[in-house]
């Protein structure tokens, strides 16, 4: 998404704001372009993403046939990243049925953008994974959640203090009753643009 990067005073892809100035510039960019205030954040890298999924014991994901090749390509890349045997943990089938995936496999499933509608399909898979994780946490007891937090928090970067996480635990049963609604920008009103030889998604901010 092509956005204005505050402080840098020029336009670029939205993810460039994080590369230029970390979380603070990313927040400023989102607030400047979308008038959205962000209170807190939780940030994971590849390693912590894998570990969080594994701490939960893996998750069940419906891998489609057309996704199998790219899943295995990215599993291979993750193996090289982690120093594992480069051909380990490959998926052998993908027929749309649910498979139990470990953290490395879920990361691969969440990374590729070569099936479906490019990055739109990739972020759709990422949101699906988050919903599966949320629903799985519903099935564990408070003691297990505490153990998860003890393992989870050192693996991530977050602005939420540990004490506040503990307070959130007390209202988890109420939170589980809420429906998760996903939304994003742009909606249907966008176009692909090329700037300095790079492809972007352009929207009319003055319209919004």
Protein backbone atom coordinates (compact mmCIF):
# COMPACT_ATOMS: atom_id res chain seq x y z
CA UNK A 1 0.00 0.00 0.00
CA UNK A 2 1.45 3.35 -1.10
CA UNK A 3 1.31 5.77 1.85
CA UNK A 4 2.84 8.97 3.14
CA UNK A 5 5.73 8.32 5.57
CA UNK A 6 5.77 11.12 8.19
CA UNK A 7 9.12 12.52 9.33
CA UNK A 8 10.68 11.11 6.15
CA UNK A 9 8.32 13.39 4.21
CA UNK A 10 7.85 11.18 1.17
CA UNK A 11 5.64 8.34 -0.07
CA UNK A 12 6.59 4.66 0.00
CA UNK A 13 5.21 1.20 0.79
CA UNK A 14 3.66 1.06 4.24
CA UNK A 15 6.02 -1.68 5.46
CA UNK A 16 8.96 0.59 4.65
CA UNK A 17 7.95 2.76 7.62
CA UNK A 18 8.90 -0.05 9.99
CA UNK A 19 12.21 -0.58 8.22
CA UNK A 20 12.99 3.15 8.45
CA UNK A 21 11.90 3.81 12.03
CA UNK A 22 10.62 0.72 13.81
CA UNK A 23 7.33 0.52 15.66
CA UNK A 24 7.12 4.25 16.42
CA UNK A 25 7.31 5.33 12.78
CA UNK A 26 4.93 2.54 11.76
CA UNK A 27 2.39 3.84 14.31
CA UNK A 28 2.86 7.41 13.12
CA UNK A 29 2.38 6.29 9.51
CA UNK A 30 -0.84 4.43 10.29
CA UNK A 31 -2.19 7.31 12.36
CA UNK A 32 -1.25 9.91 9.73
CA UNK A 33 -2.80 8.04 6.80
CA UNK A 34 -5.81 6.38 8.45
CA UNK A 35 -6.53 8.52 11.56
CA UNK A 36 -6.31 5.37 13.70
CA UNK A 37 -4.92 5.43 17.23
CA UNK A 38 -3.13 2.26 18.29
CA UNK A 39 -2.92 1.60 22.03
CA UNK A 40 -0.73 -1.49 22.27
CA UNK A 41 1.12 -3.93 20.07
CA UNK A 42 2.54 -7.46 20.08
CA UNK A 43 5.31 -8.13 17.57
CA UNK A 44 6.68 -11.54 16.58
CA UNK A 45 9.59 -12.52 14.37
CA UNK A 46 9.97 -15.79 12.48
CA UNK A 47 11.53 -17.61 15.42
CA UNK A 48 8.94 -16.51 17.98
CA UNK A 49 6.09 -17.26 15.57
CA UNK A 50 7.33 -20.84 15.22
CA UNK A 51 7.79 -21.21 18.97
CA UNK A 52 4.36 -19.82 19.84
CA UNK A 53 2.63 -22.30 17.53
CA UNK A 54 4.72 -25.16 18.92
CA UNK A 55 3.96 -24.12 22.51
CA UNK A 56 0.28 -24.54 21.62
CA UNK A 57 1.04 -28.02 20.29
CA UNK A 58 0.52 -27.05 16.66
CA UNK A 59 -2.75 -26.21 14.93
CA UNK A 60 -5.05 -27.82 12.35
CA UNK A 61 -5.11 -26.06 8.96
CA UNK A 62 -6.96 -26.97 5.75
CA UNK A 63 -4.15 -26.88 3.19
CA UNK A 64 -5.38 -26.71 -0.41
CA UNK A 65 -3.88 -28.69 -3.29
CA UNK A 66 -2.60 -25.60 -5.07
CA UNK A 67 -0.85 -24.48 -1.87
CA UNK A 68 1.21 -27.67 -1.38
CA UNK A 69 4.14 -26.75 -3.64
CA UNK A 70 4.65 -23.32 -2.10
CA UNK A 71 4.19 -24.62 1.46
CA UNK A 72 7.06 -27.01 0.88
CA UNK A 73 9.19 -24.34 -0.78
CA UNK A 74 8.83 -22.14 2.29
CA UNK A 75 9.29 -25.07 4.69
CA UNK A 76 12.60 -25.59 2.88
CA UNK A 77 13.46 -21.92 3.41
CA UNK A 78 12.52 -22.16 7.08
CA UNK A 79 14.72 -25.25 7.48
CA UNK A 80 17.69 -23.29 6.14
CA UNK A 81 16.82 -20.40 8.45
CA UNK A 82 16.70 -22.69 11.49
CA UNK A 83 19.66 -24.89 10.54
CA UNK A 84 17.45 -27.98 10.29
CA UNK A 85 17.69 -30.73 7.70
CA UNK A 86 16.62 -28.91 4.56
CA UNK A 87 14.05 -31.53 3.54
CA UNK A 88 12.47 -32.14 6.96
CA UNK A 89 8.80 -31.53 7.77
CA UNK A 90 7.64 -31.40 4.13
CA UNK A 91 3.90 -31.85 3.60
CA UNK A 92 3.14 -34.93 1.53
CA UNK A 93 -0.51 -34.23 0.72
CA UNK A 94 -2.86 -31.29 0.41
CA UNK A 95 -6.44 -32.07 -0.56
CA UNK A 96 -8.29 -29.37 1.34
CA UNK A 97 -8.64 -31.50 4.47
CA UNK A 98 -7.33 -30.34 7.83
CA UNK A 99 -3.76 -31.28 8.71
CA UNK A 100 -1.96 -30.88 12.02
CA UNK A 101 0.93 -28.48 11.38
CA UNK A 102 3.85 -27.51 13.58
CA UNK A 103 5.19 -24.00 13.93
CA UNK A 104 7.61 -24.24 11.03
CA UNK A 105 4.89 -25.53 8.71
CA UNK A 106 2.38 -22.88 9.81
CA UNK A 107 4.97 -20.16 9.17
CA UNK A 108 5.47 -21.53 5.65
CA UNK A 109 1.71 -21.59 5.10
CA UNK A 110 1.50 -17.95 6.21
CA UNK A 111 4.36 -16.61 4.09
CA UNK A 112 3.80 -17.30 0.39
CA UNK A 113 1.79 -15.03 -1.93
CA UNK A 114 1.90 -17.00 -5.18
CA UNK A 115 -1.50 -18.68 -4.89
CA UNK A 116 -4.78 -16.81 -5.23
CA UNK A 117 -4.83 -13.02 -5.18
CA UNK A 118 -1.20 -12.38 -4.24
CA UNK A 119 -0.74 -10.54 -0.94
CA UNK A 120 -4.50 -10.34 -0.35
CA UNK A 121 -4.62 -14.15 -0.18
CA UNK A 122 -1.51 -14.26 1.99
CA UNK A 123 -2.96 -11.91 4.59
CA UNK A 124 -6.22 -13.89 4.45
CA UNK A 125 -4.27 -17.02 5.38
CA UNK A 126 -2.53 -15.12 8.17
CA UNK A 127 -5.86 -13.97 9.62
CA UNK A 128 -7.16 -17.53 9.39
CA UNK A 129 -4.17 -18.76 11.38
CA UNK A 130 -4.77 -16.11 14.05
CA UNK A 131 -8.41 -17.16 14.36
CA UNK A 132 -7.43 -20.82 14.70
CA UNK A 133 -4.93 -19.90 17.43
CA UNK A 134 -7.57 -17.80 19.22
CA UNK A 135 -10.06 -20.66 19.12
CA UNK A 136 -7.46 -23.14 20.35
CA UNK A 137 -6.65 -20.97 23.36
CA UNK A 138 -10.33 -21.23 24.28
CA UNK A 139 -9.86 -24.94 24.96
CA UNK A 140 -7.03 -24.62 27.52
CA UNK A 141 -7.43 -23.86 31.21
CA UNK A 142 -6.11 -20.77 33.00
CA UNK A 143 -3.10 -22.63 34.39
CA UNK A 144 -2.07 -23.68 30.89
CA UNK A 145 -2.53 -20.13 29.61
CA UNK A 146 -0.21 -18.88 32.36
CA UNK A 147 2.39 -21.43 31.27
CA UNK A 148 1.92 -20.25 27.70
CA UNK A 149 2.48 -16.65 28.76
CA UNK A 150 5.66 -17.56 30.64
CA UNK A 151 6.98 -19.14 27.45
CA UNK A 152 5.37 -16.69 25.05
CA UNK A 153 6.26 -13.27 26.48
CA UNK A 154 10.06 -13.68 26.36
CA UNK A 155 9.69 -14.63 22.68
CA UNK A 156 7.92 -11.45 21.56
CA UNK A 157 8.30 -7.70 21.65
CA UNK A 158 5.29 -5.96 23.15
CA UNK A 159 4.23 -2.74 24.83
CA UNK A 160 1.82 -4.62 27.12
CA UNK A 161 3.22 -5.15 30.64
CA UNK A 162 3.13 -8.67 32.08
CA UNK A 163 0.75 -7.52 34.83
CA UNK A 164 -1.72 -6.31 32.22
CA UNK A 165 -1.60 -9.68 30.47
CA UNK A 166 -2.54 -11.28 33.80
CA UNK A 167 -5.51 -8.90 34.10
CA UNK A 168 -6.60 -9.82 30.58
CA UNK A 169 -6.63 -13.47 31.63
CA UNK A 170 -9.41 -12.76 34.10
CA UNK A 171 -11.72 -11.53 31.34
CA UNK A 172 -10.80 -14.16 28.72
CA UNK A 173 -14.07 -16.08 29.22
CA UNK A 174 -15.99 -12.90 28.36
CA UNK A 175 -13.71 -12.12 25.41
CA UNK A 176 -14.30 -15.58 23.95
CA UNK A 177 -17.98 -14.72 23.59
CA UNK A 178 -17.20 -11.95 21.12
CA UNK A 179 -17.15 -12.48 17.38
CA UNK A 180 -13.89 -11.63 15.65
CA UNK A 181 -14.45 -9.30 12.71
CA UNK A 182 -11.67 -8.77 10.17
CA UNK A 183 -11.45 -5.75 7.95
CA UNK A 184 -8.78 -3.92 6.04
CA UNK A 185 -7.84 -1.18 3.65
CA UNK A 186 -8.11 -0.86 0.75
CA UNK A 187 -11.61 -2.16 0.10
CA UNK A 188 -12.68 -2.63 -3.53
CA UNK A 189 -11.70 0.92 -4.46
CA UNK A 190 -7.99 0.71 -5.34
CA UNK A 191 -5.70 0.31 -8.30
CA UNK A 192 -2.25 -1.11 -8.92
CA UNK A 193 0.34 1.56 -9.62
CA UNK A 194 4.03 1.53 -10.51
CA UNK A 195 6.37 4.04 -8.88
CA UNK A 196 10.11 4.05 -9.63
CA UNK A 197 9.77 0.59 -11.17
CA UNK A 198 8.06 -0.91 -8.09
CA UNK A 199 4.49 -2.19 -7.88
CA UNK A 200 2.22 -0.65 -5.25
CA UNK A 201 -1.43 -0.57 -4.31
CA UNK A 202 -2.76 2.95 -4.59
CA UNK A 203 -5.85 4.41 -2.97
CA UNK A 204 -7.28 7.92 -2.96
CA UNK A 205 -6.75 9.08 0.62
CA UNK A 206 -8.63 12.31 -0.02
CA UNK A 207 -11.72 10.20 -0.81
CA UNK A 208 -11.55 8.38 2.53
